[in-house]
Amino acid sequence: MKQKANKYDLEERTAKFGEDVISFCRKVKLDSVTNPLVNQLIRSATSVGANYMEANGASSKSDFRNKIFICKKEAQETKHWLRMLAKATPSAIVDIRKLWKECQELTMIFQKITSSLKSQNKPI
C-alpha cells in the first residue's frame, strides 16, 4: 500500500509552493511594474522545487549539499520578490503574506539541512 504524502514530504511541499505561486500570479493585474516582478517570482519560486528534485537525484554528497544550498538561495530570492510585489500590489497583501510565510518555513528547513550537513563534516 502506497503511503499518503504528508506536509513533511518536502518534494510535494516545494512543488505545491510553486503551484500556489503560479495560481497567485495568474490573479495579479499585469502592468509595467508588476510584469517583471511576477516573472522573477515565478522563476525563483518554481526553482526551489526543481532544485530539490535535483538534490534527491544527486550523484554525491557534495552535489546534494550544493543543490540544497541552491534551494535555500532560491527561497530567499522568492521572499524578496514577494516583498516587492506586496509593495506593487497592496491589495494582495493577505495572499502574499501566506506565500511569504511558507517560503520562510522552506528557507529554514533548507538552512537546517545545510547546517546538519556541515556539522557532519566536522572532525571529532
PDB file of N, CA and C in Angstrom:
ATOM      1  N   MET A   1       0.838  -1.180   0.000  1.00  0.00           N
ATOM      2  CA  MET A   1       0.000   0.000   0.000  1.00  0.00           C
ATOM      3  C   MET A   1       0.883   1.243   0.000  1.00  0.00           C
ATOM      4  N   LYS A   2       0.617   2.140  -0.912  1.00  0.00           N
ATOM      5  CA  LYS A   2       1.408   3.367  -1.031  1.00  0.00           C
ATOM      6  C   LYS A   2       1.071   4.326   0.111  1.00  0.00           C
ATOM      7  N   GLN A   3       2.122   4.836   0.754  1.00  0.00           N
ATOM      8  CA  GLN A   3       1.895   5.753   1.866  1.00  0.00           C
ATOM      9  C   GLN A   3       1.474   7.126   1.351  1.00  0.00           C
ATOM     10  N   LYS A   4       0.521   7.716   2.033  1.00  0.00           N
ATOM     11  CA  LYS A   4      -0.001   9.020   1.663  1.00  0.00           C
ATOM     12  C   LYS A   4       1.028  10.107   1.983  1.00  0.00           C
ATOM     13  N   ALA A   5       1.228  11.037   1.056  1.00  0.00           N
ATOM     14  CA  ALA A   5       2.156  12.144   1.287  1.00  0.00           C
ATOM     15  C   ALA A   5       1.602  13.043   2.381  1.00  0.00           C
ATOM     16  N   ASN A   6       2.496  13.538   3.243  1.00  0.00           N
ATOM     17  CA  ASN A   6       2.049  14.459   4.281  1.00  0.00           C
ATOM     18  C   ASN A   6       2.773  15.789   4.124  1.00  0.00           C
ATOM     19  N   LYS A   7       2.505  16.712   5.036  1.00  0.00           N
ATOM     20  CA  LYS A   7       3.061  18.051   4.892  1.00  0.00           C
ATOM     21  C   LYS A   7       4.574  18.080   5.057  1.00  0.00           C
ATOM     22  N   TYR A   8       5.161  16.975   5.535  1.00  0.00           N
ATOM     23  CA  TYR A   8       6.601  16.918   5.704  1.00  0.00           C
ATOM     24  C   TYR A   8       7.298  16.340   4.480  1.00  0.00           C
ATOM     25  N   ASP A   9       6.530  15.946   3.472  1.00  0.00           N
ATOM     26  CA  ASP A   9       7.108  15.477   2.224  1.00  0.00           C
ATOM     27  C   ASP A   9       7.600  16.711   1.481  1.00  0.00           C
ATOM     28  N   LEU A  10       8.887  16.954   1.558  1.00  0.00           N
ATOM     29  CA  LEU A  10       9.459  18.189   1.035  1.00  0.00           C
ATOM     30  C   LEU A  10       9.346  18.293  -0.486  1.00  0.00           C
ATOM     31  N   GLU A  11       9.397  17.162  -1.164  1.00  0.00           N
ATOM     32  CA  GLU A  11       9.232  17.177  -2.615  1.00  0.00           C
ATOM     33  C   GLU A  11       7.842  17.714  -2.979  1.00  0.00           C
ATOM     34  N   GLU A  12       6.835  17.181  -2.311  1.00  0.00           N
ATOM     35  CA  GLU A  12       5.461  17.622  -2.549  1.00  0.00           C
ATOM     36  C   GLU A  12       5.268  19.066  -2.075  1.00  0.00           C
ATOM     37  N   ARG A  13       5.843  19.376  -0.944  1.00  0.00           N
ATOM     38  CA  ARG A  13       5.661  20.715  -0.370  1.00  0.00           C
ATOM     39  C   ARG A  13       6.266  21.795  -1.260  1.00  0.00           C
ATOM     40  N   THR A  14       7.453  21.550  -1.807  1.00  0.00           N
ATOM     41  CA  THR A  14       8.074  22.551  -2.682  1.00  0.00           C
ATOM     42  C   THR A  14       7.321  22.665  -4.002  1.00  0.00           C
ATOM     43  N   ALA A  15       6.797  21.549  -4.501  1.00  0.00           N
ATOM     44  CA  ALA A  15       6.005  21.587  -5.738  1.00  0.00           C
ATOM     45  C   ALA A  15       4.708  22.362  -5.502  1.00  0.00           C
ATOM     46  N   LYS A  16       4.052  22.094  -4.385  1.00  0.00           N
ATOM     47  CA  LYS A  16       2.805  22.793  -4.051  1.00  0.00           C
ATOM     48  C   LYS A  16       3.058  24.282  -3.888  1.00  0.00           C
ATOM     49  N   PHE A  17       4.183  24.646  -3.279  1.00  0.00           N
ATOM     50  CA  PHE A  17       4.516  26.054  -3.131  1.00  0.00           C
ATOM     51  C   PHE A  17       4.639  26.719  -4.505  1.00  0.00           C
ATOM     52  N   GLY A  18       5.336  26.088  -5.432  1.00  0.00           N
ATOM     53  CA  GLY A  18       5.457  26.626  -6.783  1.00  0.00           C
ATOM     54  C   GLY A  18       4.095  26.773  -7.457  1.00  0.00           C
ATOM     55  N   GLU A  19       3.255  25.767  -7.287  1.00  0.00           N
ATOM     56  CA  GLU A  19       1.902  25.819  -7.859  1.00  0.00           C
ATOM     57  C   GLU A  19       1.086  26.955  -7.247  1.00  0.00           C
ATOM     58  N   ASP A  20       1.214  27.129  -5.936  1.00  0.00           N
ATOM     59  CA  ASP A  20       0.477  28.207  -5.259  1.00  0.00           C
ATOM     60  C   ASP A  20       0.930  29.577  -5.754  1.00  0.00           C
ATOM     61  N   VAL A  21       2.221  29.725  -5.982  1.00  0.00           N
ATOM     62  CA  VAL A  21       2.740  30.998  -6.512  1.00  0.00           C
ATOM     63  C   VAL A  21       2.204  31.236  -7.922  1.00  0.00           C
ATOM     64  N   ILE A  22       2.191  30.206  -8.743  1.00  0.00           N
ATOM     65  CA  ILE A  22       1.648  30.336 -10.105  1.00  0.00           C
ATOM     66  C   ILE A  22       0.179  30.755 -10.052  1.00  0.00           C
ATOM     67  N   SER A  23      -0.596  30.086  -9.209  1.00  0.00           N
ATOM     68  CA  SER A  23      -2.026  30.430  -9.076  1.00  0.00           C
ATOM     69  C   SER A  23      -2.198  31.875  -8.632  1.00  0.00           C
ATOM     70  N   PHE A  24      -1.392  32.291  -7.664  1.00  0.00           N
ATOM     71  CA  PHE A  24      -1.461  33.669  -7.196  1.00  0.00           C
ATOM     72  C   PHE A  24      -1.116  34.645  -8.324  1.00  0.00           C
ATOM     73  N   CYS A  25      -0.032  34.371  -9.039  1.00  0.00           N
ATOM     74  CA  CYS A  25       0.434  35.285 -10.089  1.00  0.00           C
ATOM     75  C   CYS A  25      -0.566  35.423 -11.232  1.00  0.00           C
ATOM     76  N   ARG A  26      -1.364  34.389 -11.475  1.00  0.00           N
ATOM     77  CA  ARG A  26      -2.396  34.466 -12.517  1.00  0.00           C
ATOM     78  C   ARG A  26      -3.455  35.514 -12.174  1.00  0.00           C
ATOM     79  N   LYS A  27      -3.587  35.841 -10.884  1.00  0.00           N
ATOM     80  CA  LYS A  27      -4.591  36.814 -10.441  1.00  0.00           C
ATOM     81  C   LYS A  27      -4.059  38.244 -10.400  1.00  0.00           C
ATOM     82  N   VAL A  28      -2.746  38.402 -10.521  1.00  0.00           N
ATOM     83  CA  VAL A  28      -2.150  39.743 -10.432  1.00  0.00           C
ATOM     84  C   VAL A  28      -2.400  40.502 -11.726  1.00  0.00           C
ATOM     85  N   LYS A  29      -2.849  41.749 -11.590  1.00  0.00           N
ATOM     86  CA  LYS A  29      -3.051  42.611 -12.752  1.00  0.00           C
ATOM     87  C   LYS A  29      -1.675  43.020 -13.266  1.00  0.00           C
ATOM     88  N   LEU A  30      -1.381  42.642 -14.500  1.00  0.00           N
ATOM     89  CA  LEU A  30      -0.055  42.912 -15.060  1.00  0.00           C
ATOM     90  C   LEU A  30       0.023  44.323 -15.634  1.00  0.00           C
ATOM     91  N   ASP A  31       1.120  44.987 -15.305  1.00  0.00           N
ATOM     92  CA  ASP A  31       1.438  46.296 -15.875  1.00  0.00           C
ATOM     93  C   ASP A  31       2.957  46.402 -15.947  1.00  0.00           C
ATOM     94  N   SER A  32       3.467  47.578 -16.248  1.00  0.00           N
ATOM     95  CA  SER A  32       4.918  47.718 -16.441  1.00  0.00           C
ATOM     96  C   SER A  32       5.707  47.460 -15.159  1.00  0.00           C
ATOM     97  N   VAL A  33       5.090  47.592 -14.004  1.00  0.00           N
ATOM     98  CA  VAL A  33       5.777  47.325 -12.736  1.00  0.00           C
ATOM     99  C   VAL A  33       5.609  45.866 -12.324  1.00  0.00           C
ATOM    100  N   THR A  34       4.391  45.368 -12.363  1.00  0.00           N
ATOM    101  CA  THR A  34       4.147  44.016 -11.859  1.00  0.00           C
ATOM    102  C   THR A  34       4.643  42.916 -12.802  1.00  0.00           C
ATOM    103  N   ASN A  35       4.669  43.161 -14.089  1.00  0.00           N
ATOM    104  CA  ASN A  35       5.076  42.123 -15.036  1.00  0.00           C
ATOM    105  C   ASN A  35       6.469  41.557 -14.736  1.00  0.00           C
ATOM    106  N   PRO A  36       7.508  42.387 -14.606  1.00  0.00           N
ATOM    107  CA  PRO A  36       8.825  41.811 -14.300  1.00  0.00           C
ATOM    108  C   PRO A  36       8.889  41.176 -12.903  1.00  0.00           C
ATOM    109  N   LEU A  37       8.139  41.709 -11.961  1.00  0.00           N
ATOM    110  CA  LEU A  37       8.126  41.133 -10.612  1.00  0.00           C
ATOM    111  C   LEU A  37       7.505  39.738 -10.625  1.00  0.00           C
ATOM    112  N   VAL A  38       6.393  39.601 -11.327  1.00  0.00           N
ATOM    113  CA  VAL A  38       5.729  38.305 -11.448  1.00  0.00           C
ATOM    114  C   VAL A  38       6.648  37.306 -12.145  1.00  0.00           C
ATOM    115  N   ASN A  39       7.300  37.743 -13.203  1.00  0.00           N
ATOM    116  CA  ASN A  39       8.213  36.876 -13.940  1.00  0.00           C
ATOM    117  C   ASN A  39       9.320  36.351 -13.022  1.00  0.00           C
ATOM    118  N   GLN A  40       9.945  37.249 -12.279  1.00  0.00           N
ATOM    119  CA  GLN A  40      11.028  36.857 -11.378  1.00  0.00           C
ATOM    120  C   GLN A  40      10.518  35.964 -10.253  1.00  0.00           C
ATOM    121  N   LEU A  41       9.359  36.290  -9.716  1.00  0.00           N
ATOM    122  CA  LEU A  41       8.780  35.498  -8.637  1.00  0.00           C
ATOM    123  C   LEU A  41       8.514  34.066  -9.089  1.00  0.00           C
ATOM    124  N   ILE A  42       7.918  33.904 -10.246  1.00  0.00           N
ATOM    125  CA  ILE A  42       7.635  32.558 -10.750  1.00  0.00           C
ATOM    126  C   ILE A  42       8.926  31.781 -10.973  1.00  0.00           C
ATOM    127  N   ARG A  43       9.929  32.440 -11.524  1.00  0.00           N
ATOM    128  CA  ARG A  43      11.210  31.765 -11.772  1.00  0.00           C
ATOM    129  C   ARG A  43      11.833  31.245 -10.469  1.00  0.00           C
ATOM    130  N   SER A  44      11.918  32.121  -9.473  1.00  0.00           N
ATOM    131  CA  SER A  44      12.582  31.705  -8.231  1.00  0.00           C
ATOM    132  C   SER A  44      11.739  30.710  -7.432  1.00  0.00           C
ATOM    133  N   ALA A  45      10.437  30.935  -7.366  1.00  0.00           N
ATOM    134  CA  ALA A  45       9.569  30.056  -6.568  1.00  0.00           C
ATOM    135  C   ALA A  45       9.515  28.636  -7.127  1.00  0.00           C
ATOM    136  N   THR A  46       9.442  28.509  -8.439  1.00  0.00           N
ATOM    137  CA  THR A  46       9.392  27.172  -9.034  1.00  0.00           C
ATOM    138  C   THR A  46      10.768  26.515  -9.048  1.00  0.00           C
ATOM    139  N   SER A  47      11.802  27.322  -8.978  1.00  0.00           N
ATOM    140  CA  SER A  47      13.166  26.792  -8.935  1.00  0.00           C
ATOM    141  C   SER A  47      13.468  26.075  -7.619  1.00  0.00           C
ATOM    142  N   VAL A  48      12.793  26.462  -6.553  1.00  0.00           N
ATOM    143  CA  VAL A  48      13.003  25.801  -5.255  1.00  0.00           C
ATOM    144  C   VAL A  48      12.717  24.306  -5.402  1.00  0.00           C
ATOM    145  N   GLY A  49      11.546  23.976  -5.925  1.00  0.00           N
ATOM    146  CA  GLY A  49      11.167  22.573  -6.099  1.00  0.00           C
ATOM    147  C   GLY A  49      12.018  21.853  -7.132  1.00  0.00           C
ATOM    148  N   ALA A  50      12.351  22.539  -8.210  1.00  0.00           N
ATOM    149  CA  ALA A  50      13.179  21.910  -9.246  1.00  0.00           C
ATOM    150  C   ALA A  50      14.550  21.543  -8.694  1.00  0.00           C
ATOM    151  N   ASN A  51      15.125  22.430  -7.914  1.00  0.00           N
ATOM    152  CA  ASN A  51      16.438  22.136  -7.334  1.00  0.00           C
ATOM    153  C   ASN A  51      16.354  21.067  -6.254  1.00  0.00           C
ATOM    154  N   TYR A  52      15.233  21.009  -5.550  1.00  0.00           N
ATOM    155  CA  TYR A  52      15.073  19.945  -4.564  1.00  0.00           C
ATOM    156  C   TYR A  52      14.986  18.588  -5.269  1.00  0.00           C
ATOM    157  N   MET A  53      14.287  18.551  -6.382  1.00  0.00           N
ATOM    158  CA  MET A  53      14.223  17.303  -7.171  1.00  0.00           C
ATOM    159  C   MET A  53      15.629  16.889  -7.620  1.00  0.00           C
ATOM    160  N   GLU A  54      16.417  17.867  -8.066  1.00  0.00           N
ATOM    161  CA  GLU A  54      17.797  17.581  -8.470  1.00  0.00           C
ATOM    162  C   GLU A  54      18.619  17.086  -7.285  1.00  0.00           C
ATOM    163  N   ALA A  55      18.401  17.677  -6.109  1.00  0.00           N
ATOM    164  CA  ALA A  55      19.129  17.244  -4.912  1.00  0.00           C
ATOM    165  C   ALA A  55      18.834  15.775  -4.614  1.00  0.00           C
ATOM    166  N   ASN A  56      17.575  15.386  -4.758  1.00  0.00           N
ATOM    167  CA  ASN A  56      17.210  13.993  -4.492  1.00  0.00           C
ATOM    168  C   ASN A  56      17.859  13.023  -5.473  1.00  0.00           C
ATOM    169  N   GLY A  57      18.233  13.511  -6.626  1.00  0.00           N
ATOM    170  CA  GLY A  57      18.912  12.661  -7.608  1.00  0.00           C
ATOM    171  C   GLY A  57      20.410  12.930  -7.670  1.00  0.00           C
ATOM    172  N   ALA A  58      20.940  13.555  -6.641  1.00  0.00           N
ATOM    173  CA  ALA A  58      22.355  13.960  -6.639  1.00  0.00           C
ATOM    174  C   ALA A  58      23.284  12.755  -6.781  1.00  0.00           C
ATOM    175  N   SER A  59      24.410  13.006  -7.445  1.00  0.00           N
ATOM    176  CA  SER A  59      25.379  11.944  -7.691  1.00  0.00           C
ATOM    177  C   SER A  59      26.371  11.771  -6.548  1.00  0.00           C
ATOM    178  N   SER A  60      26.404  12.722  -5.620  1.00  0.00           N
ATOM    179  CA  SER A  60      27.321  12.638  -4.485  1.00  0.00           C
ATOM    180  C   SER A  60      26.787  13.488  -3.340  1.00  0.00           C
ATOM    181  N   LYS A  61      27.400  13.324  -2.181  1.00  0.00           N
ATOM    182  CA  LYS A  61      27.001  14.123  -1.021  1.00  0.00           C
ATOM    183  C   LYS A  61      27.286  15.605  -1.283  1.00  0.00           C
ATOM    184  N   SER A  62      28.370  15.882  -1.951  1.00  0.00           N
ATOM    185  CA  SER A  62      28.741  17.252  -2.288  1.00  0.00           C
ATOM    186  C   SER A  62      27.721  17.869  -3.248  1.00  0.00           C
ATOM    187  N   ASP A  63      27.303  17.091  -4.235  1.00  0.00           N
ATOM    188  CA  ASP A  63      26.292  17.549  -5.194  1.00  0.00           C
ATOM    189  C   ASP A  63      24.973  17.810  -4.470  1.00  0.00           C
ATOM    190  N   PHE A  64      24.593  16.904  -3.546  1.00  0.00           N
ATOM    191  CA  PHE A  64      23.368  17.081  -2.767  1.00  0.00           C
ATOM    192  C   PHE A  64      23.442  18.374  -1.955  1.00  0.00           C
ATOM    193  N   ARG A  65      24.549  18.583  -1.268  1.00  0.00           N
ATOM    194  CA  ARG A  65      24.731  19.775  -0.434  1.00  0.00           C
ATOM    195  C   ARG A  65      24.604  21.042  -1.283  1.00  0.00           C
ATOM    196  N   ASN A  66      25.213  21.035  -2.450  1.00  0.00           N
ATOM    197  CA  ASN A  66      25.164  22.188  -3.351  1.00  0.00           C
ATOM    198  C   ASN A  66      23.735  22.485  -3.797  1.00  0.00           C
ATOM    199  N   LYS A  67      23.003  21.460  -4.169  1.00  0.00           N
ATOM    200  CA  LYS A  67      21.620  21.650  -4.636  1.00  0.00           C
ATOM    201  C   LYS A  67      20.716  22.145  -3.499  1.00  0.00           C
ATOM    202  N   ILE A  68      20.918  21.646  -2.299  1.00  0.00           N
ATOM    203  CA  ILE A  68      20.131  22.105  -1.150  1.00  0.00           C
ATOM    204  C   ILE A  68      20.444  23.574  -0.863  1.00  0.00           C
ATOM    205  N   PHE A  69      21.707  23.934  -0.979  1.00  0.00           N
ATOM    206  CA  PHE A  69      22.095  25.329  -0.778  1.00  0.00           C
ATOM    207  C   PHE A  69      21.414  26.221  -1.816  1.00  0.00           C
ATOM    208  N   ILE A  70      21.328  25.744  -3.051  1.00  0.00           N
ATOM    209  CA  ILE A  70      20.644  26.500  -4.106  1.00  0.00           C
ATOM    210  C   ILE A  70      19.150  26.623  -3.778  1.00  0.00           C
ATOM    211  N   CYS A  71      18.550  25.572  -3.234  1.00  0.00           N
ATOM    212  CA  CYS A  71      17.143  25.643  -2.807  1.00  0.00           C
ATOM    213  C   CYS A  71      16.963  26.783  -1.816  1.00  0.00           C
ATOM    214  N   LYS A  72      17.865  26.864  -0.844  1.00  0.00           N
ATOM    215  CA  LYS A  72      17.776  27.914   0.173  1.00  0.00           C
ATOM    216  C   LYS A  72      17.918  29.291  -0.467  1.00  0.00           C
ATOM    217  N   LYS A  73      18.880  29.440  -1.381  1.00  0.00           N
ATOM    218  CA  LYS A  73      19.084  30.728  -2.054  1.00  0.00           C
ATOM    219  C   LYS A  73      17.862  31.132  -2.872  1.00  0.00           C
ATOM    220  N   GLU A  74      17.271  30.191  -3.572  1.00  0.00           N
ATOM    221  CA  GLU A  74      16.081  30.485  -4.387  1.00  0.00           C
ATOM    222  C   GLU A  74      14.902  30.865  -3.498  1.00  0.00           C
ATOM    223  N   ALA A  75      14.769  30.208  -2.352  1.00  0.00           N
ATOM    224  CA  ALA A  75      13.697  30.556  -1.419  1.00  0.00           C
ATOM    225  C   ALA A  75      13.910  31.972  -0.881  1.00  0.00           C
ATOM    226  N   GLN A  76      15.147  32.316  -0.564  1.00  0.00           N
ATOM    227  CA  GLN A  76      15.439  33.669  -0.086  1.00  0.00           C
ATOM    228  C   GLN A  76      15.125  34.704  -1.167  1.00  0.00           C
ATOM    229  N   GLU A  77      15.484  34.397  -2.404  1.00  0.00           N
ATOM    230  CA  GLU A  77      15.182  35.302  -3.508  1.00  0.00           C
ATOM    231  C   GLU A  77      13.666  35.449  -3.675  1.00  0.00           C
ATOM    232  N   THR A  78      12.950  34.354  -3.530  1.00  0.00           N
ATOM    233  CA  THR A  78      11.494  34.386  -3.651  1.00  0.00           C
ATOM    234  C   THR A  78      10.882  35.327  -2.626  1.00  0.00           C
ATOM    235  N   LYS A  79      11.396  35.305  -1.397  1.00  0.00           N
ATOM    236  CA  LYS A  79      10.889  36.218  -0.361  1.00  0.00           C
ATOM    237  C   LYS A  79      11.107  37.674  -0.782  1.00  0.00           C
ATOM    238  N   HIS A  80      12.213  37.947  -1.438  1.00  0.00           N
ATOM    239  CA  HIS A  80      12.469  39.310  -1.925  1.00  0.00           C
ATOM    240  C   HIS A  80      11.413  39.730  -2.944  1.00  0.00           C
ATOM    241  N   TRP A  81      11.142  38.863  -3.929  1.00  0.00           N
ATOM    242  CA  TRP A  81      10.175  39.209  -4.973  1.00  0.00           C
ATOM    243  C   TRP A  81       8.774  39.321  -4.398  1.00  0.00           C
ATOM    244  N   LEU A  82       8.449  38.509  -3.393  1.00  0.00           N
ATOM    245  CA  LEU A  82       7.152  38.644  -2.730  1.00  0.00           C
ATOM    246  C   LEU A  82       7.044  40.007  -2.050  1.00  0.00           C
ATOM    247  N   ARG A  83       8.125  40.439  -1.423  1.00  0.00           N
ATOM    248  CA  ARG A  83       8.110  41.757  -0.780  1.00  0.00           C
ATOM    249  C   ARG A  83       7.900  42.874  -1.802  1.00  0.00           C
ATOM    250  N   MET A  84       8.588  42.781  -2.921  1.00  0.00           N
ATOM    251  CA  MET A  84       8.449  43.802  -3.964  1.00  0.00           C
ATOM    252  C   MET A  84       7.033  43.806  -4.536  1.00  0.00           C
ATOM    253  N   LEU A  85       6.475  42.619  -4.723  1.00  0.00           N
ATOM    254  CA  LEU A  85       5.118  42.517  -5.257  1.00  0.00           C
ATOM    255  C   LEU A  85       4.096  43.033  -4.248  1.00  0.00           C
ATOM    256  N   ALA A  86       4.372  42.863  -2.965  1.00  0.00           N
ATOM    257  CA  ALA A  86       3.483  43.407  -1.928  1.00  0.00           C
ATOM    258  C   ALA A  86       3.438  44.928  -2.019  1.00  0.00           C
ATOM    259  N   LYS A  87       4.563  45.539  -2.303  1.00  0.00           N
ATOM    260  CA  LYS A  87       4.613  46.993  -2.454  1.00  0.00           C
ATOM    261  C   LYS A  87       3.864  47.428  -3.712  1.00  0.00           C
ATOM    262  N   ALA A  88       4.011  46.648  -4.779  1.00  0.00           N
ATOM    263  CA  ALA A  88       3.382  46.998  -6.057  1.00  0.00           C
ATOM    264  C   ALA A  88       1.881  46.706  -6.078  1.00  0.00           C
ATOM    265  N   THR A  89       1.440  45.736  -5.281  1.00  0.00           N
ATOM    266  CA  THR A  89       0.021  45.351  -5.268  1.00  0.00           C
ATOM    267  C   THR A  89      -0.469  45.212  -3.824  1.00  0.00           C
ATOM    268  N   PRO A  90      -0.617  46.322  -3.108  1.00  0.00           N
ATOM    269  CA  PRO A  90      -1.012  46.251  -1.695  1.00  0.00           C
ATOM    270  C   PRO A  90      -2.335  45.534  -1.453  1.00  0.00           C
ATOM    271  N   SER A  91      -3.191  45.478  -2.442  1.00  0.00           N
ATOM    272  CA  SER A  91      -4.482  44.796  -2.269  1.00  0.00           C
ATOM    273  C   SER A  91      -4.308  43.275  -2.138  1.00  0.00           C
ATOM    274  N   ALA A  92      -3.154  42.761  -2.504  1.00  0.00           N
ATOM    275  CA  ALA A  92      -2.911  41.315  -2.454  1.00  0.00           C
ATOM    276  C   ALA A  92      -2.091  40.900  -1.234  1.00  0.00           C
ATOM    277  N   ILE A  93      -1.959  41.795  -0.267  1.00  0.00           N
ATOM    278  CA  ILE A  93      -1.064  41.568   0.863  1.00  0.00           C
ATOM    279  C   ILE A  93      -1.391  40.300   1.653  1.00  0.00           C
ATOM    280  N   VAL A  94      -2.659  39.962   1.813  1.00  0.00           N
ATOM    281  CA  VAL A  94      -3.032  38.770   2.586  1.00  0.00           C
ATOM    282  C   VAL A  94      -2.489  37.505   1.920  1.00  0.00           C
ATOM    283  N   ASP A  95      -2.693  37.380   0.612  1.00  0.00           N
ATOM    284  CA  ASP A  95      -2.188  36.217  -0.127  1.00  0.00           C
ATOM    285  C   ASP A  95      -0.662  36.194  -0.129  1.00  0.00           C
ATOM    286  N   ILE A  96      -0.061  37.347  -0.283  1.00  0.00           N
ATOM    287  CA  ILE A  96       1.406  37.426  -0.317  1.00  0.00           C
ATOM    288  C   ILE A  96       1.988  37.014   1.034  1.00  0.00           C
ATOM    289  N   ARG A  97       1.366  37.426   2.119  1.00  0.00           N
ATOM    290  CA  ARG A  97       1.851  37.036   3.459  1.00  0.00           C
ATOM    291  C   ARG A  97       1.816  35.526   3.647  1.00  0.00           C
ATOM    292  N   LYS A  98       0.755  34.878   3.162  1.00  0.00           N
ATOM    293  CA  LYS A  98       0.664  33.412   3.268  1.00  0.00           C
ATOM    294  C   LYS A  98       1.802  32.752   2.497  1.00  0.00           C
ATOM    295  N   LEU A  99       2.041  33.235   1.275  1.00  0.00           N
ATOM    296  CA  LEU A  99       3.130  32.682   0.466  1.00  0.00           C
ATOM    297  C   LEU A  99       4.484  32.953   1.125  1.00  0.00           C
ATOM    298  N   TRP A 100       4.660  34.163   1.653  1.00  0.00           N
ATOM    299  CA  TRP A 100       5.927  34.522   2.300  1.00  0.00           C
ATOM    300  C   TRP A 100       6.180  33.623   3.511  1.00  0.00           C
ATOM    301  N   LYS A 101       5.136  33.358   4.289  1.00  0.00           N
ATOM    302  CA  LYS A 101       5.276  32.505   5.479  1.00  0.00           C
ATOM    303  C   LYS A 101       5.724  31.099   5.085  1.00  0.00           C
ATOM    304  N   GLU A 102       5.105  30.526   4.078  1.00  0.00           N
ATOM    305  CA  GLU A 102       5.510  29.196   3.612  1.00  0.00           C
ATOM    306  C   GLU A 102       6.944  29.232   3.093  1.00  0.00           C
ATOM    307  N   CYS A 103       7.281  30.274   2.374  1.00  0.00           N
ATOM    308  CA  CYS A 103       8.632  30.407   1.833  1.00  0.00           C
ATOM    309  C   CYS A 103       9.659  30.528   2.964  1.00  0.00           C
ATOM    310  N   GLN A 104       9.315  31.256   4.006  1.00  0.00           N
ATOM    311  CA  GLN A 104      10.194  31.386   5.165  1.00  0.00           C
ATOM    312  C   GLN A 104      10.398  30.025   5.834  1.00  0.00           C
ATOM    313  N   GLU A 105       9.348  29.249   5.959  1.00  0.00           N
ATOM    314  CA  GLU A 105       9.477  27.909   6.540  1.00  0.00           C
ATOM    315  C   GLU A 105      10.383  27.027   5.687  1.00  0.00           C
ATOM    316  N   LEU A 106      10.214  27.096   4.366  1.00  0.00           N
ATOM    317  CA  LEU A 106      11.085  26.326   3.472  1.00  0.00           C
ATOM    318  C   LEU A 106      12.538  26.777   3.616  1.00  0.00           C
ATOM    319  N   THR A 107      12.755  28.081   3.702  1.00  0.00           N
ATOM    320  CA  THR A 107      14.103  28.610   3.884  1.00  0.00           C
ATOM    321  C   THR A 107      14.729  28.029   5.150  1.00  0.00           C
ATOM    322  N   MET A 108      13.981  28.003   6.227  1.00  0.00           N
ATOM    323  CA  MET A 108      14.502  27.484   7.499  1.00  0.00           C
ATOM    324  C   MET A 108      14.777  25.977   7.419  1.00  0.00           C
ATOM    325  N   ILE A 109      13.938  25.250   6.712  1.00  0.00           N
ATOM    326  CA  ILE A 109      14.166  23.811   6.524  1.00  0.00           C
ATOM    327  C   ILE A 109      15.468  23.585   5.762  1.00  0.00           C
ATOM    328  N   PHE A 110      15.656  24.317   4.663  1.00  0.00           N
ATOM    329  CA  PHE A 110      16.884  24.144   3.879  1.00  0.00           C
ATOM    330  C   PHE A 110      18.114  24.602   4.655  1.00  0.00           C
ATOM    331  N   GLN A 111      17.959  25.640   5.482  1.00  0.00           N
ATOM    332  CA  GLN A 111      19.058  26.085   6.341  1.00  0.00           C
ATOM    333  C   GLN A 111      19.443  24.988   7.331  1.00  0.00           C
ATOM    334  N   LYS A 112      18.451  24.343   7.914  1.00  0.00           N
ATOM    335  CA  LYS A 112      18.703  23.261   8.864  1.00  0.00           C
ATOM    336  C   LYS A 112      19.404  22.095   8.172  1.00  0.00           C
ATOM    337  N   ILE A 113      18.975  21.770   6.963  1.00  0.00           N
ATOM    338  CA  ILE A 113      19.618  20.674   6.224  1.00  0.00           C
ATOM    339  C   ILE A 113      21.076  21.024   5.949  1.00  0.00           C
ATOM    340  N   THR A 114      21.334  22.238   5.460  1.00  0.00           N
ATOM    341  CA  THR A 114      22.720  22.619   5.149  1.00  0.00           C
ATOM    342  C   THR A 114      23.564  22.663   6.420  1.00  0.00           C
ATOM    343  N   SER A 115      23.002  23.148   7.524  1.00  0.00           N
ATOM    344  CA  SER A 115      23.735  23.183   8.794  1.00  0.00           C
ATOM    345  C   SER A 115      24.064  21.769   9.270  1.00  0.00           C
ATOM    346  N   SER A 116      23.108  20.865   9.149  1.00  0.00           N
ATOM    347  CA  SER A 116      23.328  19.473   9.551  1.00  0.00           C
ATOM    348  C   SER A 116      24.413  18.827   8.700  1.00  0.00           C
ATOM    349  N   LEU A 117      24.405  19.105   7.409  1.00  0.00           N
ATOM    350  CA  LEU A 117      25.417  18.524   6.522  1.00  0.00           C
ATOM    351  C   LEU A 117      26.805  19.077   6.870  1.00  0.00           C
ATOM    352  N   LYS A 118      26.887  20.360   7.188  1.00  0.00           N
ATOM    353  CA  LYS A 118      28.170  20.958   7.560  1.00  0.00           C
ATOM    354  C   LYS A 118      28.690  20.345   8.853  1.00  0.00           C
ATOM    355  N   SER A 119      27.805  20.170   9.850  1.00  0.00           N
ATOM    356  CA  SER A 119      28.253  19.634  11.135  1.00  0.00           C
ATOM    357  C   SER A 119      28.679  18.166  11.018  1.00  0.00           C
ATOM    358  N   GLN A 120      28.128  17.439  10.061  1.00  0.00           N
ATOM    359  CA  GLN A 120      28.524  16.042   9.840  1.00  0.00           C
ATOM    360  C   GLN A 120      29.942  15.952   9.286  1.00  0.00           C
ATOM    361  N   ASN A 121      30.405  17.022   8.621  1.00  0.00           N
ATOM    362  CA  ASN A 121      31.730  17.002   8.004  1.00  0.00           C
ATOM    363  C   ASN A 121      32.833  17.472   8.937  1.00  0.00           C
ATOM    364  N   LYS A 122      32.472  17.959  10.135  1.00  0.00           N
ATOM    365  CA  LYS A 122      33.489  18.433  11.075  1.00  0.00           C
ATOM    366  C   LYS A 122      34.199  17.264  11.712  1.00  0.00           C
ATOM    367  N   PRO A 123      35.532  17.361  11.872  1.00  0.00           N
ATOM    368  CA  PRO A 123      36.259  16.279  12.548  1.00  0.00           C
ATOM    369  C   PRO A 123      35.915  16.247  14.036  1.00  0.00           C
ATOM    370  N   ILE A 124      35.934  15.060  14.600  1.00  0.00           N
ATOM    371  CA  ILE A 124      35.570  14.885  16.005  1.00  0.00           C
ATOM    372  C   ILE A 124      36.747  15.202  16.905  1.00  0.00           C
TER     373      ILE A 124
END
